[in-house]
Amino acid sequence: MSILNLYSLGHLLMWFGISRYIFTNWYIFLALSIGWEILELYLPYEFAVEETANKVSDLIVNTIGFWLGIKLRNEEIEN
């Protein structure tokens, strides 16, 4: 399994949308993002089975998406 996959794109777009339109609190983001990755360790579904490197890359992609959404949101507010 590769470190980046189609789910990575989904993570990026989801967190981008959340931070752009819903909330920008980093504490809530970290709790939800890390919490979901931990929950996936216990889910009995095929999509949740992945290597540790993929979980780390998911967190990185989540952070990039969240940061980009906040950046665009703030730029829109300034203009």
Foldseek 3Di string as FASTA:
>chain_A
DDLDDPVLVVLLQVLLVCLQPPHQDPVVLVCVLVVVLVVLVVDPDPVSDDDPSNSVSSSVSNVVSNVNSNVVNVVVVVD
